[in-house]
Protein backbone atom coordinates (compact mmCIF):
# COMPACT_ATOMS: atom_id res chain seq x y z
CA MET A 1 -21.12 42.03 37.86
CA ALA A 2 -17.63 43.90 38.50
CA ASP A 3 -16.43 46.54 35.75
CA THR A 4 -13.03 44.42 35.78
CA PHE A 5 -12.33 41.07 35.28
CA SER A 6 -9.59 38.56 34.39
CA PHE A 7 -9.49 37.83 30.79
CA ASN A 8 -10.26 33.88 30.66
CA VAL A 9 -11.40 31.85 27.50
CA ASN A 10 -12.34 29.46 29.45
CA SER A 11 -14.29 31.03 32.57
CA ASP A 12 -16.03 29.03 34.77
CA ASP A 13 -18.36 31.92 35.43
CA ILE A 14 -21.88 30.07 35.26
CA LYS A 15 -23.55 33.52 34.47
CA LYS A 16 -24.58 34.07 31.06
CA ARG A 17 -21.07 34.92 29.65
CA SER A 18 -22.44 37.62 27.30
CA ASP A 19 -23.06 39.95 30.50
CA HIS A 20 -20.00 40.78 30.15
CA ILE A 21 -20.30 43.10 27.37
CA LYS A 22 -24.10 44.10 27.74
CA MET A 23 -24.74 44.62 31.13
CA GLY A 24 -23.99 47.67 33.61
CA ILE A 25 -23.50 51.44 33.27
CA HIS A 26 -20.22 51.17 31.71
CA GLN A 27 -21.68 48.92 29.16
CA ALA A 28 -24.46 51.28 27.44
CA PRO A 29 -21.86 52.13 24.43
CA ALA A 30 -21.91 48.32 23.63
CA ARG A 31 -25.41 48.16 24.40
CA SER A 32 -25.62 51.25 21.65
CA LEU A 33 -23.90 49.30 19.40
CA LEU A 34 -25.85 45.87 19.81
CA TYR A 35 -28.72 47.64 18.99
CA ALA A 36 -27.50 48.80 16.03
CA THR A 37 -27.31 45.60 14.69
CA GLY A 38 -30.84 44.97 14.33
CA GLN A 39 -30.53 41.77 16.16
CA VAL A 40 -31.40 43.15 19.88
CA LYS A 41 -34.82 44.96 19.50
CA ASP A 42 -35.36 46.23 23.25
CA PRO A 43 -34.25 45.35 26.81
CA GLU A 44 -35.44 42.43 27.40
CA ASP A 45 -33.60 40.93 24.49
CA MET A 46 -30.63 42.24 26.82
CA LYS A 47 -31.18 39.19 29.26
CA LYS A 48 -31.10 36.56 26.63
CA PRO A 49 -28.35 34.45 25.96
CA PHE A 50 -26.44 35.87 22.93
CA ILE A 51 -25.66 32.52 20.46
CA ALA A 52 -23.13 32.73 17.75
CA ILE A 53 -23.73 30.64 14.50
CA CYS A 54 -20.18 30.14 12.93
CA ASN A 55 -20.99 29.44 9.36
CA SER A 56 -18.77 28.61 6.63
CA TYR A 57 -21.11 29.45 3.72
CA ILE A 58 -19.32 30.29 0.52
CA GLU A 59 -20.18 30.14 -2.91
CA ILE A 60 -17.45 28.79 -4.61
CA VAL A 61 -17.63 25.39 -2.45
CA PRO A 62 -20.67 23.30 -3.43
CA GLY A 63 -20.93 21.64 -0.07
CA HIS A 64 -21.10 24.86 1.59
CA VAL A 65 -23.59 26.75 -1.18
CA HIS A 66 -26.49 26.05 1.00
CA LEU A 67 -25.43 26.94 4.25
CA ARG A 68 -26.53 30.79 4.03
CA GLU A 69 -30.22 29.07 3.81
CA LEU A 70 -29.49 26.49 6.44
CA ALA A 71 -28.13 29.66 8.66
CA GLU A 72 -31.64 30.71 8.62
CA VAL A 73 -33.16 27.73 9.62
CA ALA A 74 -30.77 27.81 12.71
CA LYS A 75 -31.72 31.86 13.35
CA GLN A 76 -35.33 31.02 13.89
CA ALA A 77 -35.09 28.09 15.94
CA ILE A 78 -32.74 29.78 18.04
CA ARG A 79 -35.09 32.70 18.62
CA ASP A 80 -37.66 30.03 19.29
CA ALA A 81 -36.10 28.28 22.03
CA GLY A 82 -35.27 32.33 23.38
CA GLY A 83 -31.60 33.34 22.62
CA ILE A 84 -30.60 35.68 19.80
CA PRO A 85 -28.52 34.59 17.34
CA PHE A 86 -25.72 36.15 15.61
CA GLU A 87 -24.04 35.05 12.72
CA PHE A 88 -20.50 34.95 11.41
CA ASN A 89 -18.73 33.31 8.52
CA THR A 90 -15.18 31.62 8.16
CA ILE A 91 -12.72 31.32 5.43
CA GLY A 92 -13.14 27.49 3.21
CA VAL A 93 -11.16 25.79 0.77
CA ASP A 94 -12.65 23.48 -1.72
CA ASP A 95 -10.12 20.67 -1.98
CA GLY A 96 -11.04 19.25 -4.82
CA ILE A 97 -10.84 22.49 -6.75
CA ALA A 98 -7.98 23.35 -5.41
CA MET A 99 -6.31 20.21 -6.03
CA GLY A 100 -2.75 19.73 -7.77
CA HIS A 101 -1.56 23.59 -7.90
CA LEU A 102 -0.65 26.21 -5.67
CA GLY A 103 -4.48 26.62 -4.13
CA MET A 104 -3.97 23.25 -2.68
CA ARG A 105 -0.94 24.20 -0.31
CA TYR A 106 -3.65 26.76 0.99
CA SER A 107 -6.25 23.97 2.53
CA LEU A 108 -4.66 22.28 5.19
CA PRO A 109 -3.13 25.72 6.65
CA SER A 110 -6.80 27.05 6.08
CA ARG A 111 -7.72 24.82 9.11
CA GLU A 112 -5.54 26.50 11.48
CA LEU A 113 -7.36 30.27 10.07
CA ILE A 114 -10.26 29.00 10.53
CA ALA A 115 -9.69 27.71 14.52
CA ASP A 116 -8.01 31.44 14.76
CA SER A 117 -10.98 33.48 13.51
CA ALA A 118 -13.93 31.74 14.74
CA GLU A 119 -11.89 31.94 18.27
CA THR A 120 -11.27 35.36 17.70
CA VAL A 121 -15.08 35.90 16.91
CA ILE A 122 -16.28 33.79 19.97
CA THR A 123 -13.89 35.15 22.49
CA ALA A 124 -14.13 39.04 21.36
CA HIS A 125 -18.04 39.07 22.08
CA TRP A 126 -18.45 36.90 25.08
CA PHE A 127 -21.21 34.51 23.17
CA ASP A 128 -22.82 32.12 25.65
CA GLY A 129 -23.35 29.35 22.75
CA VAL A 130 -22.09 28.47 19.40
CA PHE A 131 -24.30 26.75 16.59
CA PHE A 132 -20.94 25.74 14.25
CA MET A 133 -21.82 24.61 10.59
CA PRO A 134 -18.97 23.05 9.14
CA ASN A 135 -18.98 20.57 6.18
CA CYS A 136 -15.76 20.34 4.30
CA ASP A 137 -12.54 19.23 4.25
CA LYS A 138 -10.57 21.19 6.80
CA ILE A 139 -13.64 23.34 7.79
CA THR A 140 -14.90 20.75 10.15
CA PRO A 141 -11.41 20.23 12.36
CA GLY A 142 -10.96 24.03 12.20
CA MET A 143 -14.09 24.55 14.16
CA ILE A 144 -13.84 22.14 16.66
CA MET A 145 -10.59 23.30 17.50
CA ALA A 146 -12.07 26.94 18.03
CA SER A 147 -14.85 25.34 19.85
CA LEU A 148 -12.00 23.46 22.06
CA ARG A 149 -10.06 26.53 22.44
CA CYS A 150 -12.95 29.10 23.73
CA ASN A 151 -14.90 25.92 25.33
CA VAL A 152 -18.17 28.12 25.15
CA PRO A 153 -21.62 25.36 24.94
CA SER A 154 -21.29 24.42 21.14
CA VAL A 155 -23.48 22.33 18.57
CA PHE A 156 -21.86 20.82 15.14
CA VAL A 157 -24.71 20.37 12.42
CA SER A 158 -23.03 20.16 9.01
CA GLY A 159 -23.78 20.66 5.72
CA GLY A 160 -24.33 17.08 4.65
CA PRO A 161 -23.05 15.13 1.76
CA MET A 162 -24.49 15.44 -2.05
CA LYS A 163 -26.50 12.86 -3.85
CA ALA A 164 -23.89 10.59 -6.03
CA GLY A 165 -23.86 11.17 -9.51
CA LEU A 166 -24.52 8.49 -12.71
CA ASP A 167 -22.49 7.72 -15.62
CA ALA A 168 -23.77 7.28 -19.13
CA HIS A 169 -23.97 3.54 -18.15
CA GLY A 170 -26.40 4.51 -14.53
CA LYS A 171 -23.46 3.49 -12.78
CA ALA A 172 -23.41 5.73 -9.55
CA THR A 173 -20.48 7.85 -9.16
CA THR A 174 -18.67 10.27 -6.94
CA LEU A 175 -15.75 13.17 -7.02
CA SER A 176 -13.67 10.40 -6.76
CA SER A 177 -14.61 8.58 -10.02
CA MET A 178 -14.35 12.12 -12.10
CA PHE A 179 -10.27 12.16 -11.16
CA GLU A 180 -9.80 8.46 -12.35
CA ALA A 181 -11.50 9.12 -15.64
CA VAL A 182 -8.82 11.49 -16.07
CA GLY A 183 -6.15 9.05 -16.24
CA THR A 184 -8.48 6.74 -17.97
CA PHE A 185 -9.43 9.60 -20.78
CA LYS A 186 -5.23 9.89 -20.76
CA SER A 187 -5.02 6.74 -21.75
CA GLY A 188 -7.36 6.28 -24.49
CA LEU A 189 -9.78 3.99 -22.51
CA MET A 190 -12.75 6.64 -22.71
CA SER A 191 -14.19 8.39 -24.75
CA GLN A 192 -14.55 11.96 -25.06
CA GLU A 193 -18.44 12.19 -25.38
CA GLU A 194 -18.09 9.73 -21.98
CA PHE A 195 -15.96 12.33 -20.09
CA LEU A 196 -17.78 15.05 -20.40
CA GLN A 197 -20.71 13.45 -20.09
CA LEU A 198 -19.01 12.36 -16.45
CA GLU A 199 -17.83 16.00 -16.11
CA GLN A 200 -21.02 17.15 -15.75
CA ASN A 201 -23.02 14.87 -13.95
CA ALA A 202 -20.39 13.29 -11.13
CA CYS A 203 -21.31 16.01 -8.69
CA PRO A 204 -25.18 16.75 -8.93
CA THR A 205 -25.91 18.58 -5.99
CA CYS A 206 -24.63 20.99 -3.49
CA GLY A 207 -23.43 19.08 0.02
CA SER A 208 -20.18 17.53 0.59
CA CYS A 209 -18.42 14.86 -1.98
CA ALA A 210 -20.81 12.03 -2.05
CA GLY A 211 -18.21 9.38 -0.72
CA MET A 212 -16.20 8.68 2.53
CA PHE A 213 -13.80 11.40 1.50
CA THR A 214 -12.50 13.82 4.19
CA ALA A 215 -15.45 15.68 4.75
CA ASN A 216 -18.16 12.91 5.29
CA SER A 217 -15.53 11.15 7.74
CA MET A 218 -15.16 13.91 9.70
CA ASN A 219 -18.85 14.65 9.80
CA THR A 220 -19.48 11.19 10.66
CA LEU A 221 -16.72 11.04 13.32
CA MET A 222 -18.69 14.20 15.26
CA GLU A 223 -21.49 11.63 15.77
CA VAL A 224 -19.60 9.53 17.82
CA MET A 225 -17.25 12.10 19.32
CA GLY A 226 -20.84 13.07 20.76
CA ILE A 227 -20.65 16.35 19.55
CA ALA A 228 -23.16 16.06 16.82
CA GLN A 229 -26.47 14.77 16.68
CA PRO A 230 -27.51 11.07 15.19
CA PHE A 231 -27.05 11.12 11.10
CA ASN A 232 -25.24 14.33 10.93
CA GLY A 233 -22.72 12.62 8.98
CA THR A 234 -25.24 11.26 6.36
CA ALA A 235 -28.68 13.05 5.66
CA LEU A 236 -28.57 14.65 2.54
CA ALA A 237 -27.38 18.10 2.32
CA ILE A 238 -31.13 18.30 0.41
CA SER A 239 -33.09 16.58 2.41
CA ASP A 240 -35.60 17.81 5.03
CA GLU A 241 -33.94 15.75 7.60
CA ARG A 242 -31.29 18.20 7.24
CA ARG A 243 -33.23 20.88 8.23
CA GLU A 244 -35.14 19.07 11.08
CA LEU A 245 -31.05 18.58 12.41
CA VAL A 246 -30.53 22.41 12.20
CA ARG A 247 -33.74 22.81 14.60
CA GLU A 248 -32.85 19.86 16.88
CA GLY A 249 -29.65 21.05 17.23
CA ALA A 250 -30.79 24.82 18.31
CA LYS A 251 -32.59 23.03 21.21
CA ASN A 252 -30.03 21.17 22.31
CA LEU A 253 -27.81 23.65 22.23
CA MET A 254 -29.99 26.44 24.28
CA ARG A 255 -30.12 23.47 26.83
CA MET A 256 -26.44 22.98 27.16
CA VAL A 257 -26.10 26.78 27.50
CA ARG A 258 -28.86 26.52 30.28
CA ASP A 259 -26.63 23.29 31.86
CA ASN A 260 -22.88 24.90 31.16
CA VAL A 261 -22.28 21.97 29.26
CA ARG A 262 -19.19 22.65 27.21
CA PRO A 263 -16.73 21.08 24.58
CA ARG A 264 -14.58 19.54 26.82
CA ASP A 265 -16.92 18.01 28.69
CA LEU A 266 -17.51 15.85 26.00
CA ILE A 267 -14.78 15.07 24.23
CA SER A 268 -11.79 13.02 26.21
CA LYS A 269 -9.33 10.40 25.02
CA GLU A 270 -12.61 8.03 25.38
CA SER A 271 -14.57 9.84 22.47
CA LEU A 272 -11.34 10.33 20.07
CA ASP A 273 -10.62 6.75 20.25
CA ASP A 274 -14.44 6.04 19.40
CA ALA A 275 -13.78 8.51 16.86
CA MET A 276 -11.01 6.53 15.51
CA ALA A 277 -13.03 2.96 15.88
CA LEU A 278 -15.71 4.31 13.91
CA ASP A 279 -12.96 5.53 11.19
CA MET A 280 -11.84 2.30 10.82
CA ALA A 281 -15.27 0.58 10.76
CA MET A 282 -16.44 2.98 7.51
CA GLY A 283 -12.51 3.16 6.15
CA GLY A 284 -12.59 6.83 6.48
CA SER A 285 -9.69 9.02 4.91
CA THR A 286 -6.21 9.49 6.08
CA ASN A 287 -6.77 12.89 6.62
CA THR A 288 -8.92 12.04 9.75
CA VAL A 289 -5.64 10.96 11.79
CA LEU A 290 -4.02 14.37 11.04
CA HIS A 291 -7.14 16.10 12.37
CA ILE A 292 -7.83 13.73 15.95
CA LEU A 293 -4.21 14.79 16.38
CA SER A 294 -4.96 18.47 16.47
CA ILE A 295 -7.90 17.70 18.19
CA ALA A 296 -6.46 15.98 21.11
CA HIS A 297 -3.30 19.16 20.77
CA GLU A 298 -5.93 21.81 21.58
CA ALA A 299 -8.07 19.59 24.10
CA GLY A 300 -4.45 19.25 25.96
CA ILE A 301 -5.38 15.36 25.81
CA PRO A 302 -2.14 13.21 25.14
CA TYR A 303 -2.95 11.26 21.96
CA ASP A 304 0.07 9.13 20.03
CA GLN A 305 -0.91 7.74 16.64
CA SER A 306 0.67 4.88 16.94
CA ASP A 307 -2.94 4.00 19.32
CA ILE A 308 -4.64 3.89 16.28
CA ASN A 309 -3.01 0.27 15.10
CA LYS A 310 -3.87 -1.01 18.40
CA ILE A 311 -7.81 0.26 18.02
CA ALA A 312 -7.39 -0.90 14.24
CA GLU A 313 -6.52 -4.33 15.36
CA LYS A 314 -9.77 -4.99 17.00
CA VAL A 315 -12.11 -3.22 14.72
CA PRO A 316 -13.87 -4.60 11.99
CA TYR A 317 -14.54 -2.78 8.58
CA LEU A 318 -17.66 -2.93 8.32
CA SER A 319 -19.10 -0.78 5.60
CA LYS A 320 -17.06 -0.10 2.82
CA ILE A 321 -18.21 3.40 0.87
CA ALA A 322 -16.78 4.99 -2.20
CA PRO A 323 -14.03 5.40 -3.26
CA SER A 324 -13.36 2.10 -2.08
CA SER A 325 -17.07 0.69 -3.45
CA LYS A 326 -19.75 1.36 -5.31
CA TRP A 327 -21.60 2.46 -2.41
CA ALA A 328 -22.28 6.12 -1.56
CA MET A 329 -23.03 7.95 1.96
CA GLU A 330 -26.75 7.98 0.77
CA ASP A 331 -26.82 4.34 0.82
CA VAL A 332 -25.15 4.38 4.00
CA HIS A 333 -27.79 6.79 5.68
CA ASN A 334 -30.44 4.49 3.95
CA ALA A 335 -28.80 1.70 5.45
CA GLY A 336 -29.08 2.49 8.92
CA GLY A 337 -26.79 5.14 8.63
CA VAL A 338 -24.02 5.76 11.70
CA PRO A 339 -26.25 5.05 14.62
CA ALA A 340 -26.55 1.46 12.81
CA ILE A 341 -22.64 0.84 12.84
CA VAL A 342 -22.39 2.31 16.39
CA ASN A 343 -24.88 -0.07 17.66
CA GLU A 344 -22.99 -2.77 15.59
CA LEU A 345 -19.78 -1.95 17.49
CA ILE A 346 -21.67 -1.76 21.04
CA ARG A 347 -23.16 -5.50 20.45
CA MET A 348 -19.40 -6.38 20.02
CA GLY A 349 -18.59 -4.56 23.50
CA ASN A 350 -15.18 -3.70 24.60
CA ILE A 351 -15.13 -1.85 21.56
CA LEU A 352 -16.68 1.83 22.13
CA HIS A 353 -17.39 3.85 25.34
CA PRO A 354 -21.31 3.68 24.84
CA ASP A 355 -22.03 5.67 27.70
CA ARG A 356 -20.39 8.94 27.37
CA MET A 357 -22.80 11.86 27.36
CA THR A 358 -23.43 14.11 23.72
CA VAL A 359 -25.17 16.92 22.56
CA THR A 360 -28.40 15.50 22.68
CA GLY A 361 -28.42 15.01 26.45
CA LYS A 362 -28.56 11.37 26.31
CA THR A 363 -25.60 8.67 26.30
CA LEU A 364 -24.29 7.69 22.74
CA ARG A 365 -25.74 4.31 23.42
CA GLU A 366 -29.12 5.70 24.12
CA ASN A 367 -28.69 7.67 20.98
CA VAL A 368 -28.36 4.53 18.95
CA ALA A 369 -30.13 2.25 20.63
CA ASN A 370 -33.30 2.10 18.02
CA HIS A 371 -31.37 2.34 14.89
CA PRO A 372 -30.58 -1.59 13.54
CA ILE A 373 -28.94 -2.27 10.35
CA LEU A 374 -31.77 -1.85 7.57
CA ASN A 375 -29.36 -3.25 4.81
CA ASP A 376 -26.65 -5.82 5.58
CA GLU A 377 -24.78 -6.00 2.40
CA ILE A 378 -24.01 -1.97 3.00
CA ILE A 379 -23.61 -1.73 6.65
CA ARG A 380 -22.15 -5.82 7.58
CA LYS A 381 -22.35 -7.23 10.71
CA PHE A 382 -19.15 -8.00 12.95
CA ASP A 383 -19.96 -11.86 13.28
CA VAL A 384 -21.28 -12.58 10.24
CA ASN A 385 -19.27 -10.75 7.05
CA PRO A 386 -17.41 -8.18 7.86
CA TYR A 387 -15.04 -7.04 5.26
CA SER A 388 -12.42 -7.53 7.15
CA LYS A 389 -11.54 -8.23 10.66
CA GLU A 390 -9.40 -5.39 11.50
CA GLY A 391 -9.80 -1.61 10.74
CA GLY A 392 -9.60 0.53 7.74
CA LEU A 393 -6.57 2.53 8.29
CA SER A 394 -2.85 1.57 9.78
CA ILE A 395 0.19 3.48 11.21
CA LEU A 396 3.25 2.30 9.17
CA TYR A 397 6.42 2.53 11.30
CA GLY A 398 10.10 1.74 9.49
CA ASN A 399 13.23 3.25 9.15
CA ILE A 400 11.64 5.52 5.89
CA ALA A 401 9.50 6.81 8.22
CA PRO A 402 10.37 6.26 12.01
CA LYS A 403 7.90 8.39 13.19
CA GLY A 404 4.91 6.83 11.63
CA SER A 405 3.00 7.01 8.02
CA VAL A 406 -0.32 6.14 7.21
CA ILE A 407 -2.42 4.20 4.58
CA LYS A 408 -6.35 3.50 4.18
CA ALA A 409 -5.50 -0.14 3.86
CA GLY A 410 -9.01 -0.32 3.12
CA GLY A 411 -8.63 1.53 -0.30
CA VAL A 412 -6.16 -1.24 -1.37
CA ASP A 413 -6.64 -4.22 -3.51
CA PRO A 414 -7.75 -7.17 -0.85
CA SER A 415 -4.80 -9.58 -3.02
CA ILE A 416 -2.34 -6.86 -1.53
CA LYS A 417 -0.76 -7.70 1.68
CA THR A 418 3.10 -6.51 0.57
CA PHE A 419 4.32 -4.85 -2.17
CA THR A 420 8.41 -4.27 -3.08
CA GLY A 421 9.03 -2.02 -5.49
CA GLU A 422 12.06 -0.07 -7.23
CA ALA A 423 12.29 3.55 -6.20
CA ILE A 424 11.73 6.24 -8.76
CA VAL A 425 11.87 9.59 -6.83
CA PHE A 426 10.29 13.31 -7.23
CA ASN A 427 10.81 16.37 -5.45
CA SER A 428 7.41 17.61 -6.14
CA GLU A 429 4.02 16.72 -7.17
CA GLN A 430 4.18 18.20 -10.44
CA GLU A 431 7.36 16.38 -11.53
CA ALA A 432 5.84 13.28 -10.75
CA VAL A 433 2.56 14.10 -12.30
CA GLU A 434 4.56 15.06 -15.58
CA ALA A 435 6.36 11.66 -15.50
CA ILE A 436 2.98 9.78 -15.17
CA ASP A 437 1.33 11.90 -17.97
CA SER A 438 4.38 11.21 -20.23
CA GLY A 439 4.64 7.78 -19.41
CA LYS A 440 7.55 7.38 -17.49
CA ILE A 441 5.59 5.22 -14.80
CA HIS A 442 5.44 1.50 -14.55
CA ALA A 443 4.55 -2.00 -13.23
CA GLY A 444 6.73 -2.58 -9.66
CA GLN A 445 7.53 0.99 -9.22
CA VAL A 446 7.30 2.92 -5.98
CA LEU A 447 6.54 6.54 -6.47
CA VAL A 448 8.80 8.68 -4.06
CA ILE A 449 7.07 12.02 -3.97
CA ARG A 450 8.59 14.64 -1.27
CA TYR A 451 9.61 17.83 -0.33
CA GLU A 452 5.38 18.39 -0.01
CA GLY A 453 4.80 17.79 3.86
CA PRO A 454 3.60 20.20 6.36
CA LYS A 455 6.83 22.57 5.81
CA GLY A 456 8.21 21.47 2.60
CA GLY A 457 5.00 22.00 0.66
CA PRO A 458 3.96 23.94 2.53
CA GLY A 459 0.84 22.71 3.33
CA MET A 460 0.77 19.21 2.90
CA PRO A 461 -1.08 18.85 -0.69
CA GLU A 462 -3.21 15.94 -1.41
CA MET A 463 -1.88 13.74 -3.98
CA LEU A 464 -5.29 12.60 -5.09
CA GLY A 465 -4.13 13.76 -9.13
CA PRO A 466 -1.15 11.13 -9.37
CA THR A 467 -2.81 8.41 -7.28
CA SER A 468 -6.36 8.88 -9.81
CA ALA A 469 -3.70 9.15 -12.40
CA ILE A 470 -2.22 5.61 -11.58
CA THR A 471 -5.76 3.50 -11.06
CA GLY A 472 -7.23 5.55 -14.01
CA MET A 473 -4.38 3.84 -15.83
CA GLY A 474 -5.14 0.41 -14.90
CA LEU A 475 -2.00 0.41 -12.20
CA GLY A 476 -3.41 0.48 -8.90
CA LYS A 477 -2.05 -2.76 -7.95
CA GLU A 478 1.24 -2.47 -9.61
CA VAL A 479 2.82 0.86 -8.92
CA ALA A 480 2.55 2.10 -4.88
CA LEU A 481 2.96 5.81 -3.81
CA VAL A 482 4.68 7.22 -0.63
CA THR A 483 5.34 10.96 0.18
CA ASP A 484 5.52 13.02 3.05
CA GLY A 485 2.31 14.83 1.73
CA ARG A 486 -0.83 13.51 2.36
CA PHE A 487 -3.99 11.99 0.60
CA SER A 488 -7.80 13.16 -0.35
CA GLY A 489 -10.32 11.06 0.96
CA ALA A 490 -11.23 9.81 -2.51
CA SER A 491 -7.54 8.36 -3.14
CA ARG A 492 -7.23 4.86 -3.16
CA GLY A 493 -4.21 1.82 -4.27
CA ILE A 494 -1.18 1.43 -2.44
CA SER A 495 -0.76 5.27 -1.37
CA VAL A 496 1.09 5.77 1.62
CA GLY A 497 1.28 9.53 3.35
CA HIS A 498 2.08 11.50 6.32
CA ILE A 499 6.06 9.85 6.18
CA SER A 500 7.55 11.55 9.07
CA PRO A 501 9.78 13.25 9.76
CA GLU A 502 9.07 14.48 6.52
CA ALA A 503 11.79 15.78 4.00
CA ALA A 504 11.93 19.37 4.59
CA GLU A 505 13.06 18.09 8.31
CA GLY A 506 15.84 16.09 6.88
CA GLY A 507 14.09 13.15 7.12
CA PRO A 508 15.39 9.59 5.72
CA ILE A 509 12.83 9.95 2.86
CA ALA A 510 15.26 12.94 1.85
CA LEU A 511 17.81 10.66 1.03
CA VAL A 512 15.81 7.81 -1.23
CA HIS A 513 17.64 7.07 -4.26
CA ASP A 514 16.03 6.13 -7.87
CA GLY A 515 16.29 2.03 -7.70
CA ASP A 516 16.22 1.43 -4.19
CA LYS A 517 14.03 -1.18 -3.16
CA ILE A 518 11.04 -0.08 -0.75
CA THR A 519 8.71 -2.89 1.02
CA ILE A 520 5.18 -1.93 2.55
CA ASP A 521 4.07 -4.82 4.60
CA LEU A 522 0.20 -4.02 5.42
CA VAL A 523 0.05 -7.41 7.32
CA ASN A 524 2.85 -5.96 10.13
CA ARG A 525 1.89 -2.47 9.75
CA THR A 526 5.58 -1.65 8.20
CA ILE A 527 7.48 0.46 5.72
CA ASP A 528 11.32 -0.11 5.11
CA LEU A 529 13.91 1.42 2.64
CA HIS A 530 16.51 -1.57 2.06
CA VAL A 531 19.98 0.18 1.90
CA ASP A 532 22.02 -0.23 5.05
CA GLU A 533 22.52 2.33 7.45
CA GLN A 534 26.30 2.83 6.49
CA GLU A 535 25.17 4.17 3.17
CA LEU A 536 22.32 6.43 4.49
CA ASP A 537 24.44 8.05 6.86
CA VAL A 538 26.92 8.41 3.51
CA ARG A 539 23.69 10.22 2.08
CA ARG A 540 22.85 12.28 5.05
CA GLN A 541 26.31 14.09 5.16
CA SER A 542 26.26 14.95 1.41
CA LEU A 543 22.30 15.87 1.71
CA THR A 544 21.18 19.50 0.51
CA PRO A 545 19.71 21.59 3.43
CA PHE A 546 16.35 22.58 2.79
CA MET A 547 15.55 26.11 0.95
CA PRO A 548 11.60 27.41 2.01
CA LYS A 549 9.99 27.64 -1.01
CA ILE A 550 7.89 30.41 0.36
CA ARG A 551 8.81 34.07 1.63
CA ASN A 552 6.20 36.01 2.03
CA GLY A 553 2.64 35.70 3.12
CA TRP A 554 0.56 33.65 5.04
CA LEU A 555 2.07 30.44 4.08
CA ALA A 556 6.09 31.73 4.91
CA ARG A 557 4.56 32.02 8.29
CA TYR A 558 3.19 28.58 8.61
CA GLN A 559 6.14 26.75 6.94
CA ALA A 560 7.95 28.51 10.03
CA LEU A 561 5.39 27.52 12.44
CA VAL A 562 3.50 24.20 11.72
CA THR A 563 4.94 20.73 13.55
CA SER A 564 5.14 17.37 11.93
CA ALA A 565 2.40 15.37 10.04
CA ASN A 566 2.92 12.60 13.23
CA THR A 567 1.84 15.68 15.70
CA GLY A 568 -1.49 16.60 13.29
CA ALA A 569 0.63 19.30 11.90
CA VAL A 570 -0.32 22.22 14.43
CA LEU A 571 1.61 25.56 14.85
CA LYS A 572 3.73 25.60 17.54
CA GLY A 573 2.64 27.70 20.55
CA ALA A 574 4.50 29.46 23.34
CA ASP A 575 6.07 26.17 25.29
CA GLU A 576 7.74 25.68 21.70
CA LEU A 577 8.82 29.37 20.83
CA PHE A 578 8.99 30.98 24.16
CA PRO A 579 11.07 27.84 26.00
CA LYS A 580 10.71 27.76 29.93
CA LEU A 581 13.86 29.35 31.54
């Protein structure tokens, strides 16, 4: 190999990429440093593929506390398969712990830091393959984004979901149960003893939260995208099956390194459409929209969120999971898991693109061929009793959201088709929470929480606190919430997020006044402010220009560079920052 080479992250060189750092006389200093790591023992090891383990182990995130152990399983499997493993870590934010305060401002931005840090390590050291170990909310999409940037053979094996908890009455619980219990307790509808018992038992094991929240949504979607193995999204964190997934993942990765199968070979417009189809069938988190858009952006795939409604119109809602039902991810796993749901969608015809290749070396169709539905109460058949004929997510458009908004339609009570209410406007989540706690929120209102978008937040914080408080107070069918922020996957109710353009960009949501009528129409997928354009123009003229809330640190840079929610809230690149002459 030549002593010099052109820098190209997406190099097509079929030789081992790691030869760049370990072959030739000129690389003797690098080899000395590699011996010093203890991972390389002799010259023969220098001939083997160098495999990165991109781990997200962190002790304050329950979904990740076991990843140190899983990384050791991966290392041994990689060695057994003829590779040399090198582990490195990314940061991580636990959304449940960061909820409702300054910490939540850092959650969505952490996705970009994770992608950037993984890209840095992978590219700087010319790894031949990458074993990604994500689990929770922003870590999974951040790692996927990095894999597409680097385009090095990659396998994803997540940490897996936790078991559901039990309340004092023996009812299964998840994290959303705890958030909703806060509103119930404050309303005097739950005793202190019941509250404390739930607090200590809602999250009984390590793993991602037990319901169909953002973490589990993304970890299941990776299965159908073809970058993770069957049952990645549902096998429990504490199970032997999870460890076997790690071992099989290592074998599959070494084969992909040999055959030079890379993420951009697997992720396409079709695989992203299939991911959203599965999301519809399982009623996944609204955050998946942001992340699919960001993944498409990294892959250079044109993807408009309006396309998502077309998918929703033809994909039935087959498996309703907490917080929308009593079923947890473990229940879905025992009912046949994602393979059974995918099988059912394939059986429909013209829904998925099942003959795409996946990390297993088999097609999606082959991956799921022998996995039938084992419990048709938990996973329903499309031609017998689906929860609905249309999927669990909707993109709503209207004069308050000309570039779109997102609602988890599957989390809305089935009796609600339209909702019209009077706006009560707040310029921050904290203002809204204080109003809810003081009893100022009543049936028939639409809470408008603005200046909480990607730029305005900054960081587009989740509104799980307000939505859970409303539900816990028994107002889930009588009060709506509209925001340019976003929601946790644990949120439910008449909750519309991702309003685009956001208030900080001068979007129409900035023009709403107390008492304005707002209609949310789930049938026609619209959201409208009942104020004529002439009045809106008058209000626009008197609108106070937005002033950034953060003046220094990472968030200050983030708010200057972040794009709108309808484009995935990604950061501006060279094309935006340095327009071509």
